[in-house]
């Protein structure tokens, strides 16, 4: 192997393991930093200038701008938490604009997806004992499943599966996860639900992150599939078996479906997400002799953990958006603009 190929393979090792570690740790993903940096300032036309600033940490940045008209009296109040300005001129225009970012995010003008990607692949740097214990448990499950790889393959071959060669029905096995994404998006459009659109996006994001991680590990492991060999220990060969992409994507999409929405239909969501989509897809990959049992287990760990990571990030952003309010109160001879941001 040339030196270039060796470099590429080691790069794949680093990227793949980073993604796998990130995915497994994501179940316990937490918001980073609860202490904000905040400043407040006000400027009212008519000869009165006032400004104040306060600082309370470096984890969260919040900013907002407001414009309000008042003839004699204009005031701006802050809950020791936001940066804002109020200019008193003619006309009335109130337009709050708040940006929330945690300390593992980049500047506020970045798309949330870019921040999620950065946080996903750097999350091992923030692991605690619980995260490492979860990762160790996932590795243990994969190792335990590897012990039964041959037995599971033999079981399905006895049921009539062709041992070597044959169709692994890749497109057919991808249908449940794809149907869940498309169905969620179409139904959200039908009822015009912003929550539904966000759920569909979370499915796409979780599936995308899982896919990148899975294919990085496939390149590193280069394990031959059970329809290529009867030996489950053919690693670093010419295969692409470990881990299962279909299982990872199905568990990513299925977990988002299972854990999204309210609790009124939680049991139905979990049955569909974990059973009809994730579990069924993993079973079909074994039945079609496309993967070893340990491939499925590794894919499930990556997909499920990545889904929980995406849901945690989305919940943090939604909670941040609920922590502020803007009101315009009429006063005698003018108006008072109040902006409040609650910090925890």
C-alpha atoms as a PDB file:
ATOM      1  CA  UNK A   1       0.000   0.000   0.000  1.00  0.00           C
ATOM      2  CA  UNK A   2       1.358   3.377  -0.965  1.00  0.00           C
ATOM      3  CA  UNK A   3       2.126   6.016   1.630  1.00  0.00           C
ATOM      4  CA  UNK A   4      -0.770   8.102   0.314  1.00  0.00           C
ATOM      5  CA  UNK A   5      -3.250   5.283   0.871  1.00  0.00           C
ATOM      6  CA  UNK A   6      -1.879   4.707   4.371  1.00  0.00           C
ATOM      7  CA  UNK A   7      -2.418   8.383   5.180  1.00  0.00           C
ATOM      8  CA  UNK A   8      -5.964   8.237   3.829  1.00  0.00           C
ATOM      9  CA  UNK A   9      -6.751   5.147   5.850  1.00  0.00           C
ATOM     10  CA  UNK A  10      -5.460   6.659   9.077  1.00  0.00           C
ATOM     11  CA  UNK A  11      -7.461   9.805   8.345  1.00  0.00           C
ATOM     12  CA  UNK A  12     -10.478   7.568   7.950  1.00  0.00           C
ATOM     13  CA  UNK A  13      -9.734   5.941  11.288  1.00  0.00           C
ATOM     14  CA  UNK A  14      -9.666   9.287  13.047  1.00  0.00           C
ATOM     15  CA  UNK A  15     -12.833  10.610  11.388  1.00  0.00           C
ATOM     16  CA  UNK A  16     -14.711   7.343  11.822  1.00  0.00           C
ATOM     17  CA  UNK A  17     -13.902   6.858  15.474  1.00  0.00           C
ATOM     18  CA  UNK A  18     -14.657  10.488  16.248  1.00  0.00           C
ATOM     19  CA  UNK A  19     -18.070  10.138  14.644  1.00  0.00           C
ATOM     20  CA  UNK A  20     -18.771   6.854  16.417  1.00  0.00           C
ATOM     21  CA  UNK A  21     -17.789   8.296  19.783  1.00  0.00           C
ATOM     22  CA  UNK A  22     -19.910  11.367  19.104  1.00  0.00           C
ATOM     23  CA  UNK A  23     -22.921   9.294  18.192  1.00  0.00           C
ATOM     24  CA  UNK A  24     -22.708   7.025  21.217  1.00  0.00           C
ATOM     25  CA  UNK A  25     -22.328   9.952  23.597  1.00  0.00           C
ATOM     26  CA  UNK A  26     -25.242  11.861  22.154  1.00  0.00           C
ATOM     27  CA  UNK A  27     -27.907  10.217  24.319  1.00  0.00           C
ATOM     28  CA  UNK A  28     -26.672  12.256  27.249  1.00  0.00           C
ATOM     29  CA  UNK A  29     -25.945  15.381  25.223  1.00  0.00           C
ATOM     30  CA  UNK A  30     -26.374  18.440  27.357  1.00  0.00           C
ATOM     31  CA  UNK A  31     -26.628  22.152  26.850  1.00  0.00           C
ATOM     32  CA  UNK A  32     -23.239  23.695  27.450  1.00  0.00           C
ATOM     33  CA  UNK A  33     -23.113  26.656  29.760  1.00  0.00           C
ATOM     34  CA  UNK A  34     -26.057  28.123  31.620  1.00  0.00           C
ATOM     35  CA  UNK A  35     -24.400  31.412  32.518  1.00  0.00           C
ATOM     36  CA  UNK A  36     -24.872  34.203  30.000  1.00  0.00           C
ATOM     37  CA  UNK A  37     -23.058  37.279  28.878  1.00  0.00           C
ATOM     38  CA  UNK A  38     -25.484  40.149  28.868  1.00  0.00           C
ATOM     39  CA  UNK A  39     -25.464  43.868  28.356  1.00  0.00           C
ATOM     40  CA  UNK A  40     -28.151  46.487  28.103  1.00  0.00           C
ATOM     41  CA  UNK A  41     -28.140  49.931  26.615  1.00  0.00           C
ATOM     42  CA  UNK A  42     -30.737  52.570  25.771  1.00  0.00           C
ATOM     43  CA  UNK A  43     -30.682  55.731  23.753  1.00  0.00           C
ATOM     44  CA  UNK A  44     -33.716  58.018  23.641  1.00  0.00           C
ATOM     45  CA  UNK A  45     -33.789  61.068  21.412  1.00  0.00           C
ATOM     46  CA  UNK A  46     -34.570  64.427  22.956  1.00  0.00           C
ATOM     47  CA  UNK A  47     -31.443  65.078  24.938  1.00  0.00           C
ATOM     48  CA  UNK A  48     -31.363  62.045  27.207  1.00  0.00           C
ATOM     49  CA  UNK A  49     -28.766  59.319  26.709  1.00  0.00           C
ATOM     50  CA  UNK A  50     -28.439  56.399  29.032  1.00  0.00           C
ATOM     51  CA  UNK A  51     -26.442  53.199  28.811  1.00  0.00           C
ATOM     52  CA  UNK A  52     -25.605  50.352  31.106  1.00  0.00           C
ATOM     53  CA  UNK A  53     -23.901  47.015  30.761  1.00  0.00           C
ATOM     54  CA  UNK A  54     -23.634  43.838  32.769  1.00  0.00           C
ATOM     55  CA  UNK A  55     -21.594  40.660  32.432  1.00  0.00           C
ATOM     56  CA  UNK A  56     -22.360  37.201  33.780  1.00  0.00           C
ATOM     57  CA  UNK A  57     -20.211  34.530  32.151  1.00  0.00           C
ATOM     58  CA  UNK A  58     -19.427  33.489  28.615  1.00  0.00           C
ATOM     59  CA  UNK A  59     -21.774  30.664  27.681  1.00  0.00           C
ATOM     60  CA  UNK A  60     -24.746  32.326  26.012  1.00  0.00           C
ATOM     61  CA  UNK A  61     -25.007  35.378  23.814  1.00  0.00           C
ATOM     62  CA  UNK A  62     -28.389  37.057  23.394  1.00  0.00           C
ATOM     63  CA  UNK A  63     -29.103  40.115  21.341  1.00  0.00           C
ATOM     64  CA  UNK A  64     -32.203  42.025  20.399  1.00  0.00           C
ATOM     65  CA  UNK A  65     -33.071  45.338  18.831  1.00  0.00           C
ATOM     66  CA  UNK A  66     -36.288  47.304  19.239  1.00  0.00           C
ATOM     67  CA  UNK A  67     -37.623  50.577  17.876  1.00  0.00           C
ATOM     68  CA  UNK A  68     -40.505  52.437  19.456  1.00  0.00           C
ATOM     69  CA  UNK A  69     -42.033  55.874  19.099  1.00  0.00           C
ATOM     70  CA  UNK A  70     -42.819  58.103  22.044  1.00  0.00           C
ATOM     71  CA  UNK A  71     -43.389  61.823  22.284  1.00  0.00           C
ATOM     72  CA  UNK A  72     -42.304  62.491  25.846  1.00  0.00           C
ATOM     73  CA  UNK A  73     -41.346  59.267  27.584  1.00  0.00           C
ATOM     74  CA  UNK A  74     -39.560  56.169  26.341  1.00  0.00           C
ATOM     75  CA  UNK A  75     -37.938  53.585  28.569  1.00  0.00           C
ATOM     76  CA  UNK A  76     -36.288  50.269  28.058  1.00  0.00           C
ATOM     77  CA  UNK A  77     -36.015  47.677  30.827  1.00  0.00           C
ATOM     78  CA  UNK A  78     -33.940  44.513  30.819  1.00  0.00           C
ATOM     79  CA  UNK A  79     -33.943  41.453  33.063  1.00  0.00           C
ATOM     80  CA  UNK A  80     -30.155  41.705  33.487  1.00  0.00           C
ATOM     81  CA  UNK A  81     -29.941  39.443  30.513  1.00  0.00           C
ATOM     82  CA  UNK A  82     -30.135  40.987  27.047  1.00  0.00           C
ATOM     83  CA  UNK A  83     -28.319  43.378  24.812  1.00  0.00           C
ATOM     84  CA  UNK A  84     -30.602  45.890  23.109  1.00  0.00           C
ATOM     85  CA  UNK A  85     -31.136  49.442  22.039  1.00  0.00           C
ATOM     86  CA  UNK A  86     -34.220  51.656  21.756  1.00  0.00           C
ATOM     87  CA  UNK A  87     -34.321  54.719  19.548  1.00  0.00           C
ATOM     88  CA  UNK A  88     -37.215  57.174  19.876  1.00  0.00           C
ATOM     89  CA  UNK A  89     -38.081  58.735  16.558  1.00  0.00           C
ATOM     90  CA  UNK A  90     -41.265  59.095  14.532  1.00  0.00           C
ATOM     91  CA  UNK A  91     -43.500  56.159  13.640  1.00  0.00           C
ATOM     92  CA  UNK A  92     -43.921  52.910  15.589  1.00  0.00           C
ATOM     93  CA  UNK A  93     -42.021  49.752  14.809  1.00  0.00           C
ATOM     94  CA  UNK A  94     -41.343  46.975  17.280  1.00  0.00           C
ATOM     95  CA  UNK A  95     -39.142  44.180  15.922  1.00  0.00           C
ATOM     96  CA  UNK A  96     -37.411  41.860  18.397  1.00  0.00           C
ATOM     97  CA  UNK A  97     -34.533  39.899  16.942  1.00  0.00           C
ATOM     98  CA  UNK A  98     -32.871  37.456  19.306  1.00  0.00           C
ATOM     99  CA  UNK A  99     -30.038  35.009  18.639  1.00  0.00           C
ATOM    100  CA  UNK A 100     -29.125  32.261  21.097  1.00  0.00           C
ATOM    101  CA  UNK A 101     -25.942  30.240  20.985  1.00  0.00           C
ATOM    102  CA  UNK A 102     -24.258  27.942  23.464  1.00  0.00           C
ATOM    103  CA  UNK A 103     -20.575  27.971  24.122  1.00  0.00           C
ATOM    104  CA  UNK A 104     -19.917  25.070  21.750  1.00  0.00           C
ATOM    105  CA  UNK A 105     -21.501  27.003  18.888  1.00  0.00           C
ATOM    106  CA  UNK A 106     -19.876  29.396  16.497  1.00  0.00           C
ATOM    107  CA  UNK A 107     -21.007  33.011  15.982  1.00  0.00           C
ATOM    108  CA  UNK A 108     -24.706  33.724  15.917  1.00  0.00           C
ATOM    109  CA  UNK A 109     -24.969  34.150  12.167  1.00  0.00           C
ATOM    110  CA  UNK A 110     -24.108  30.490  11.495  1.00  0.00           C
ATOM    111  CA  UNK A 111     -26.792  28.069  10.392  1.00  0.00           C
ATOM    112  CA  UNK A 112     -27.909  25.746  13.224  1.00  0.00           C
ATOM    113  CA  UNK A 113     -26.941  22.722  11.109  1.00  0.00           C
ATOM    114  CA  UNK A 114     -23.317  23.871  10.957  1.00  0.00           C
ATOM    115  CA  UNK A 115     -23.293  24.326  14.728  1.00  0.00           C
ATOM    116  CA  UNK A 116     -24.797  20.866  15.202  1.00  0.00           C
ATOM    117  CA  UNK A 117     -22.176  19.277  12.954  1.00  0.00           C
ATOM    118  CA  UNK A 118     -19.381  20.972  14.895  1.00  0.00           C
ATOM    119  CA  UNK A 119     -20.873  19.943  18.249  1.00  0.00           C
ATOM    120  CA  UNK A 120     -21.491  16.377  17.048  1.00  0.00           C
ATOM    121  CA  UNK A 121     -17.930  15.706  15.969  1.00  0.00           C
ATOM    122  CA  UNK A 122     -16.322  17.441  18.936  1.00  0.00           C
ATOM    123  CA  UNK A 123     -18.609  16.064  21.649  1.00  0.00           C
ATOM    124  CA  UNK A 124     -16.032  13.533  22.973  1.00  0.00           C
ATOM    125  CA  UNK A 125     -14.068  16.520  24.251  1.00  0.00           C
ATOM    126  CA  UNK A 126     -16.934  17.197  26.675  1.00  0.00           C
ATOM    127  CA  UNK A 127     -17.663  13.648  27.826  1.00  0.00           C
ATOM    128  CA  UNK A 128     -18.007  12.800  31.489  1.00  0.00           C
ATOM    129  CA  UNK A 129     -18.019   9.430  33.253  1.00  0.00           C
ATOM    130  CA  UNK A 130     -21.607   8.725  32.234  1.00  0.00           C
ATOM    131  CA  UNK A 131     -20.821   9.325  28.567  1.00  0.00           C
ATOM    132  CA  UNK A 132     -17.795   7.048  28.617  1.00  0.00           C
ATOM    133  CA  UNK A 133     -19.834   4.384  30.407  1.00  0.00           C
ATOM    134  CA  UNK A 134     -22.457   4.562  27.669  1.00  0.00           C
ATOM    135  CA  UNK A 135     -19.800   4.251  24.986  1.00  0.00           C
ATOM    136  CA  UNK A 136     -18.222   1.276  26.764  1.00  0.00           C
ATOM    137  CA  UNK A 137     -21.633  -0.366  26.980  1.00  0.00           C
ATOM    138  CA  UNK A 138     -22.203   0.132  23.240  1.00  0.00           C
ATOM    139  CA  UNK A 139     -18.815  -1.384  22.426  1.00  0.00           C
ATOM    140  CA  UNK A 140     -19.610  -4.295  24.737  1.00  0.00           C
ATOM    141  CA  UNK A 141     -22.906  -4.936  22.950  1.00  0.00           C
ATOM    142  CA  UNK A 142     -21.159  -4.958  19.581  1.00  0.00           C
ATOM    143  CA  UNK A 143     -18.523  -7.374  20.886  1.00  0.00           C
ATOM    144  CA  UNK A 144     -21.197  -9.641  22.350  1.00  0.00           C
ATOM    145  CA  UNK A 145     -23.152  -9.628  19.097  1.00  0.00           C
ATOM    146  CA  UNK A 146     -19.985 -10.482  17.173  1.00  0.00           C
ATOM    147  CA  UNK A 147     -19.827 -13.765  19.096  1.00  0.00           C
ATOM    148  CA  UNK A 148     -23.137 -14.803  17.492  1.00  0.00           C
ATOM    149  CA  UNK A 149     -22.505 -13.548  13.956  1.00  0.00           C
ATOM    150  CA  UNK A 150     -22.021 -17.013  12.476  1.00  0.00           C
ATOM    151  CA  UNK A 151     -24.980 -18.565  14.285  1.00  0.00           C
ATOM    152  CA  UNK A 152     -27.371 -15.857  13.069  1.00  0.00           C
ATOM    153  CA  UNK A 153     -26.131 -16.165   9.485  1.00  0.00           C
ATOM    154  CA  UNK A 154     -26.517 -19.968   9.622  1.00  0.00           C
ATOM    155  CA  UNK A 155     -30.080 -19.605  10.931  1.00  0.00           C
ATOM    156  CA  UNK A 156     -31.217 -17.543   7.938  1.00  0.00           C
ATOM    157  CA  UNK A 157     -29.318 -19.695   5.430  1.00  0.00           C
ATOM    158  CA  UNK A 158     -31.246 -22.712   6.710  1.00  0.00           C
ATOM    159  CA  UNK A 159     -34.427 -20.788   5.885  1.00  0.00           C
ATOM    160  CA  UNK A 160     -33.422 -20.622   2.238  1.00  0.00           C
ATOM    161  CA  UNK A 161     -31.199 -17.550   1.953  1.00  0.00           C
ATOM    162  CA  UNK A 162     -28.476 -17.883  -0.664  1.00  0.00           C
ATOM    163  CA  UNK A 163     -25.130 -18.113   1.221  1.00  0.00           C
ATOM    164  CA  UNK A 164     -22.937 -16.315  -1.313  1.00  0.00           C
ATOM    165  CA  UNK A 165     -24.179 -13.771  -3.789  1.00  0.00           C
ATOM    166  CA  UNK A 166     -27.863 -13.099  -4.277  1.00  0.00           C
ATOM    167  CA  UNK A 167     -29.824  -9.907  -3.817  1.00  0.00           C
ATOM    168  CA  UNK A 168     -29.553  -8.058  -0.492  1.00  0.00           C
ATOM    169  CA  UNK A 169     -32.583  -5.893  -1.392  1.00  0.00           C
ATOM    170  CA  UNK A 170     -30.983  -2.622  -0.350  1.00  0.00           C
ATOM    171  CA  UNK A 171     -33.701  -0.356  -1.780  1.00  0.00           C
ATOM    172  CA  UNK A 172     -36.499  -2.416  -0.264  1.00  0.00           C
ATOM    173  CA  UNK A 173     -34.921  -2.263   3.193  1.00  0.00           C
ATOM    174  CA  UNK A 174     -34.487   1.522   2.962  1.00  0.00           C
ATOM    175  CA  UNK A 175     -38.206   2.041   2.314  1.00  0.00           C
ATOM    176  CA  UNK A 176     -39.486   2.199   5.948  1.00  0.00           C
ATOM    177  CA  UNK A 177     -37.139   5.011   6.998  1.00  0.00           C
ATOM    178  CA  UNK A 178     -37.668   6.919   3.744  1.00  0.00           C
ATOM    179  CA  UNK A 179     -41.452   6.560   4.088  1.00  0.00           C
ATOM    180  CA  UNK A 180     -41.326   7.947   7.626  1.00  0.00           C
ATOM    181  CA  UNK A 181     -39.450  11.066   6.527  1.00  0.00           C
ATOM    182  CA  UNK A 182     -41.603  11.728   3.466  1.00  0.00           C
ATOM    183  CA  UNK A 183     -44.826  10.932   5.319  1.00  0.00           C
ATOM    184  CA  UNK A 184     -43.965  13.281   8.192  1.00  0.00           C
ATOM    185  CA  UNK A 185     -43.111  16.097   5.802  1.00  0.00           C
ATOM    186  CA  UNK A 186     -46.272  15.638   3.704  1.00  0.00           C
ATOM    187  CA  UNK A 187     -48.530  15.505   6.757  1.00  0.00           C
ATOM    188  CA  UNK A 188     -46.874  18.616   8.192  1.00  0.00           C
ATOM    189  CA  UNK A 189     -47.604  20.424   4.925  1.00  0.00           C
ATOM    190  CA  UNK A 190     -51.177  19.164   4.923  1.00  0.00           C
ATOM    191  CA  UNK A 191     -51.990  20.535   8.370  1.00  0.00           C
ATOM    192  CA  UNK A 192     -49.487  23.420   8.109  1.00  0.00           C
ATOM    193  CA  UNK A 193     -47.615  22.362  11.254  1.00  0.00           C
ATOM    194  CA  UNK A 194     -44.307  23.999  12.104  1.00  0.00           C
ATOM    195  CA  UNK A 195     -43.671  21.244  14.670  1.00  0.00           C
ATOM    196  CA  UNK A 196     -44.152  18.652  11.948  1.00  0.00           C
ATOM    197  CA  UNK A 197     -41.710  20.402   9.641  1.00  0.00           C
ATOM    198  CA  UNK A 198     -39.167  20.575  12.462  1.00  0.00           C
ATOM    199  CA  UNK A 199     -39.644  16.867  13.173  1.00  0.00           C
ATOM    200  CA  UNK A 200     -39.066  15.996   9.517  1.00  0.00           C
ATOM    201  CA  UNK A 201     -35.924  18.145   9.494  1.00  0.00           C
ATOM    202  CA  UNK A 202     -34.654  16.417  12.643  1.00  0.00           C
ATOM    203  CA  UNK A 203     -35.134  13.068  10.898  1.00  0.00           C
ATOM    204  CA  UNK A 204     -33.098  14.265   7.927  1.00  0.00           C
ATOM    205  CA  UNK A 205     -30.356  15.727  10.127  1.00  0.00           C
ATOM    206  CA  UNK A 206     -30.082  12.640  12.340  1.00  0.00           C
ATOM    207  CA  UNK A 207     -30.036  10.387   9.302  1.00  0.00           C
ATOM    208  CA  UNK A 208     -27.400  12.517   7.595  1.00  0.00           C
ATOM    209  CA  UNK A 209     -25.047  12.614  10.565  1.00  0.00           C
ATOM    210  CA  UNK A 210     -25.467   8.870  11.055  1.00  0.00           C
ATOM    211  CA  UNK A 211     -24.733   8.244   7.385  1.00  0.00           C
ATOM    212  CA  UNK A 212     -21.462  10.178   7.431  1.00  0.00           C
ATOM    213  CA  UNK A 213     -20.313   8.382  10.573  1.00  0.00           C
ATOM    214  CA  UNK A 214     -21.338   4.989   9.235  1.00  0.00           C
ATOM    215  CA  UNK A 215     -19.548   5.333   5.918  1.00  0.00           C
ATOM    216  CA  UNK A 216     -16.394   6.603   7.611  1.00  0.00           C
ATOM    217  CA  UNK A 217     -16.367   3.462   9.744  1.00  0.00           C
ATOM    218  CA  UNK A 218     -17.134   1.276   6.733  1.00  0.00           C
ATOM    219  CA  UNK A 219     -14.004   2.586   5.033  1.00  0.00           C
ATOM    220  CA  UNK A 220     -11.897   1.926   8.116  1.00  0.00           C
ATOM    221  CA  UNK A 221     -13.261  -1.547   8.921  1.00  0.00           C
ATOM    222  CA  UNK A 222     -13.534  -2.797   5.302  1.00  0.00           C
ATOM    223  CA  UNK A 223     -15.350  -5.883   6.589  1.00  0.00           C
ATOM    224  CA  UNK A 224     -16.726  -8.385   4.091  1.00  0.00           C
ATOM    225  CA  UNK A 225     -20.464  -8.988   4.112  1.00  0.00           C
ATOM    226  CA  UNK A 226     -22.052 -12.359   4.960  1.00  0.00           C
ATOM    227  CA  UNK A 227     -23.037 -12.752   1.290  1.00  0.00           C
ATOM    228  CA  UNK A 228     -19.330 -12.500   0.403  1.00  0.00           C
ATOM    229  CA  UNK A 229     -17.799 -14.860   2.975  1.00  0.00           C
ATOM    230  CA  UNK A 230     -18.753 -17.286   5.740  1.00  0.00           C
ATOM    231  CA  UNK A 231     -16.005 -15.897   7.986  1.00  0.00           C
ATOM    232  CA  UNK A 232     -17.201 -12.999  10.188  1.00  0.00           C
ATOM    233  CA  UNK A 233     -13.582 -11.990  10.875  1.00  0.00           C
ATOM    234  CA  UNK A 234     -12.710 -10.800   7.384  1.00  0.00           C
ATOM    235  CA  UNK A 235     -11.794  -7.233   8.429  1.00  0.00           C
ATOM    236  CA  UNK A 236      -9.709  -4.751   6.455  1.00  0.00           C
ATOM    237  CA  UNK A 237     -10.532  -6.617   3.263  1.00  0.00           C
ATOM    238  CA  UNK A 238     -12.610  -5.259   0.407  1.00  0.00           C
ATOM    239  CA  UNK A 239     -16.048  -5.185   2.026  1.00  0.00           C
ATOM    240  CA  UNK A 240     -18.336  -2.514   3.427  1.00  0.00           C
ATOM    241  CA  UNK A 241     -20.346  -4.428   5.983  1.00  0.00           C
ATOM    242  CA  UNK A 242     -19.528  -2.798   9.332  1.00  0.00           C
ATOM    243  CA  UNK A 243     -21.559  -0.968  10.515  1.00  0.00           C
ATOM    244  CA  UNK A 244     -24.965  -1.252   8.845  1.00  0.00           C
ATOM    245  CA  UNK A 245     -25.990   1.966   7.107  1.00  0.00           C
ATOM    246  CA  UNK A 246     -29.616   0.835   6.863  1.00  0.00           C
ATOM    247  CA  UNK A 247     -29.792   0.077  10.584  1.00  0.00           C
ATOM    248  CA  UNK A 248     -28.155   3.392  11.505  1.00  0.00           C
ATOM    249  CA  UNK A 249     -30.507   5.431   9.305  1.00  0.00           C
ATOM    250  CA  UNK A 250     -33.570   3.492  10.449  1.00  0.00           C
ATOM    251  CA  UNK A 251     -32.740   3.931  14.137  1.00  0.00           C
ATOM    252  CA  UNK A 252     -31.957   7.621  13.583  1.00  0.00           C
ATOM    253  CA  UNK A 253     -35.271   8.309  11.849  1.00  0.00           C
ATOM    254  CA  UNK A 254     -37.258   5.922  14.048  1.00  0.00           C
ATOM    255  CA  UNK A 255     -35.905   7.390  17.287  1.00  0.00           C
ATOM    256  CA  UNK A 256     -36.848  10.923  16.210  1.00  0.00           C
ATOM    257  CA  UNK A 257     -40.371   9.719  15.403  1.00  0.00           C
ATOM    258  CA  UNK A 258     -40.601   7.848  18.712  1.00  0.00           C
ATOM    259  CA  UNK A 259     -39.454  10.693  20.950  1.00  0.00           C
ATOM    260  CA  UNK A 260     -40.975  13.736  19.194  1.00  0.00           C
ATOM    261  CA  UNK A 261     -44.387  15.281  19.735  1.00  0.00           C
ATOM    262  CA  UNK A 262     -46.481  15.206  22.910  1.00  0.00           C
ATOM    263  CA  UNK A 263     -47.151  12.221  25.127  1.00  0.00           C
ATOM    264  CA  UNK A 264     -50.740  11.633  23.989  1.00  0.00           C
ATOM    265  CA  UNK A 265     -49.678   9.059  21.395  1.00  0.00           C
ATOM    266  CA  UNK A 266     -46.244   8.194  22.767  1.00  0.00           C
ATOM    267  CA  UNK A 267     -46.801   4.431  22.770  1.00  0.00           C
ATOM    268  CA  UNK A 268     -47.920   4.515  19.131  1.00  0.00           C
ATOM    269  CA  UNK A 269     -44.937   6.632  18.133  1.00  0.00           C
ATOM    270  CA  UNK A 270     -42.506   4.327  19.909  1.00  0.00           C
ATOM    271  CA  UNK A 271     -44.087   1.222  18.427  1.00  0.00           C
ATOM    272  CA  UNK A 272     -43.763   2.680  14.928  1.00  0.00           C
ATOM    273  CA  UNK A 273     -40.342   4.253  15.471  1.00  0.00           C
ATOM    274  CA  UNK A 274     -38.510   1.528  17.343  1.00  0.00           C
ATOM    275  CA  UNK A 275     -40.474  -1.429  16.021  1.00  0.00           C
ATOM    276  CA  UNK A 276     -41.972  -0.918  12.565  1.00  0.00           C
ATOM    277  CA  UNK A 277     -39.066   1.199  11.282  1.00  0.00           C
ATOM    278  CA  UNK A 278     -35.872   0.534  13.255  1.00  0.00           C
ATOM    279  CA  UNK A 279     -36.345  -3.037  14.461  1.00  0.00           C
ATOM    280  CA  UNK A 280     -37.952  -4.255  11.244  1.00  0.00           C
ATOM    281  CA  UNK A 281     -35.189  -2.770   9.089  1.00  0.00           C
ATOM    282  CA  UNK A 282     -32.439  -4.339  11.205  1.00  0.00           C
ATOM    283  CA  UNK A 283     -34.171  -7.717  11.026  1.00  0.00           C
ATOM    284  CA  UNK A 284     -34.563  -7.498   7.258  1.00  0.00           C
ATOM    285  CA  UNK A 285     -30.832  -6.819   6.809  1.00  0.00           C
ATOM    286  CA  UNK A 286     -30.080 -10.066   8.638  1.00  0.00           C
ATOM    287  CA  UNK A 287     -32.784 -11.965   6.785  1.00  0.00           C
ATOM    288  CA  UNK A 288     -31.450 -10.807   3.407  1.00  0.00           C
ATOM    289  CA  UNK A 289     -27.901 -11.849   4.357  1.00  0.00           C
ATOM    290  CA  UNK A 290     -26.712  -8.280   3.898  1.00  0.00           C
ATOM    291  CA  UNK A 291     -25.114  -7.815   7.328  1.00  0.00           C
ATOM    292  CA  UNK A 292     -23.718  -9.619  10.328  1.00  0.00           C
ATOM    293  CA  UNK A 293     -25.519  -9.257  13.643  1.00  0.00           C
ATOM    294  CA  UNK A 294     -22.728  -7.047  15.029  1.00  0.00           C
ATOM    295  CA  UNK A 295     -23.099  -4.736  12.004  1.00  0.00           C
ATOM    296  CA  UNK A 296     -26.729  -4.162  12.933  1.00  0.00           C
ATOM    297  CA  UNK A 297     -25.964  -3.560  16.606  1.00  0.00           C
ATOM    298  CA  UNK A 298     -23.277  -0.981  15.797  1.00  0.00           C
ATOM    299  CA  UNK A 299     -25.561   0.758  13.323  1.00  0.00           C
ATOM    300  CA  UNK A 300     -28.386   0.856  15.854  1.00  0.00           C
ATOM    301  CA  UNK A 301     -26.113   2.418  18.493  1.00  0.00           C
ATOM    302  CA  UNK A 302     -24.928   5.112  16.097  1.00  0.00           C
ATOM    303  CA  UNK A 303     -28.388   5.920  14.743  1.00  0.00           C
ATOM    304  CA  UNK A 304     -30.212   5.946  18.064  1.00  0.00           C
ATOM    305  CA  UNK A 305     -27.602   8.030  19.855  1.00  0.00           C
ATOM    306  CA  UNK A 306     -27.363  10.508  16.979  1.00  0.00           C
ATOM    307  CA  UNK A 307     -31.135  10.975  17.010  1.00  0.00           C
ATOM    308  CA  UNK A 308     -31.095  11.805  20.717  1.00  0.00           C
ATOM    309  CA  UNK A 309     -28.257  14.248  20.120  1.00  0.00           C
ATOM    310  CA  UNK A 310     -30.285  16.071  17.448  1.00  0.00           C
ATOM    311  CA  UNK A 311     -33.395  16.137  19.649  1.00  0.00           C
ATOM    312  CA  UNK A 312     -31.421  17.566  22.578  1.00  0.00           C
ATOM    313  CA  UNK A 313     -30.034  20.345  20.385  1.00  0.00           C
ATOM    314  CA  UNK A 314     -33.462  21.163  18.981  1.00  0.00           C
ATOM    315  CA  UNK A 315     -35.032  21.235  22.452  1.00  0.00           C
ATOM    316  CA  UNK A 316     -32.319  23.612  23.686  1.00  0.00           C
ATOM    317  CA  UNK A 317     -32.968  26.042  20.836  1.00  0.00           C
ATOM    318  CA  UNK A 318     -36.734  25.950  21.359  1.00  0.00           C
ATOM    319  CA  UNK A 319     -36.343  26.537  25.098  1.00  0.00           C
ATOM    320  CA  UNK A 320     -34.074  29.516  24.465  1.00  0.00           C
ATOM    321  CA  UNK A 321     -36.648  31.099  22.162  1.00  0.00           C
ATOM    322  CA  UNK A 322     -39.305  30.853  24.893  1.00  0.00           C
ATOM    323  CA  UNK A 323     -37.218  32.730  27.439  1.00  0.00           C
ATOM    324  CA  UNK A 324     -37.894  36.240  26.174  1.00  0.00           C
ATOM    325  CA  UNK A 325     -40.834  38.569  25.785  1.00  0.00           C
ATOM    326  CA  UNK A 326     -41.420  42.040  24.350  1.00  0.00           C
ATOM    327  CA  UNK A 327     -44.265  44.368  25.238  1.00  0.00           C
ATOM    328  CA  UNK A 328     -45.240  47.957  24.357  1.00  0.00           C
ATOM    329  CA  UNK A 329     -47.276  49.686  27.042  1.00  0.00           C
ATOM    330  CA  UNK A 330     -49.049  53.014  26.404  1.00  0.00           C
ATOM    331  CA  UNK A 331     -48.328  55.754  28.924  1.00  0.00           C
ATOM    332  CA  UNK A 332     -49.620  59.268  29.321  1.00  0.00           C
ATOM    333  CA  UNK A 333     -47.811  61.317  26.721  1.00  0.00           C
ATOM    334  CA  UNK A 334     -45.841  58.370  25.336  1.00  0.00           C
ATOM    335  CA  UNK A 335     -45.173  54.647  25.570  1.00  0.00           C
ATOM    336  CA  UNK A 336     -42.910  52.231  27.396  1.00  0.00           C
ATOM    337  CA  UNK A 337     -41.120  49.390  25.612  1.00  0.00           C
ATOM    338  CA  UNK A 338     -40.168  46.447  27.829  1.00  0.00           C
ATOM    339  CA  UNK A 339     -37.894  43.571  26.827  1.00  0.00           C
ATOM    340  CA  UNK A 340     -37.416  40.664  29.217  1.00  0.00           C
ATOM    341  CA  UNK A 341     -35.091  37.657  28.855  1.00  0.00           C
ATOM    342  CA  UNK A 342     -35.057  35.007  31.567  1.00  0.00           C
ATOM    343  CA  UNK A 343     -31.707  33.339  32.193  1.00  0.00           C
ATOM    344  CA  UNK A 344     -31.207  30.144  34.121  1.00  0.00           C
END
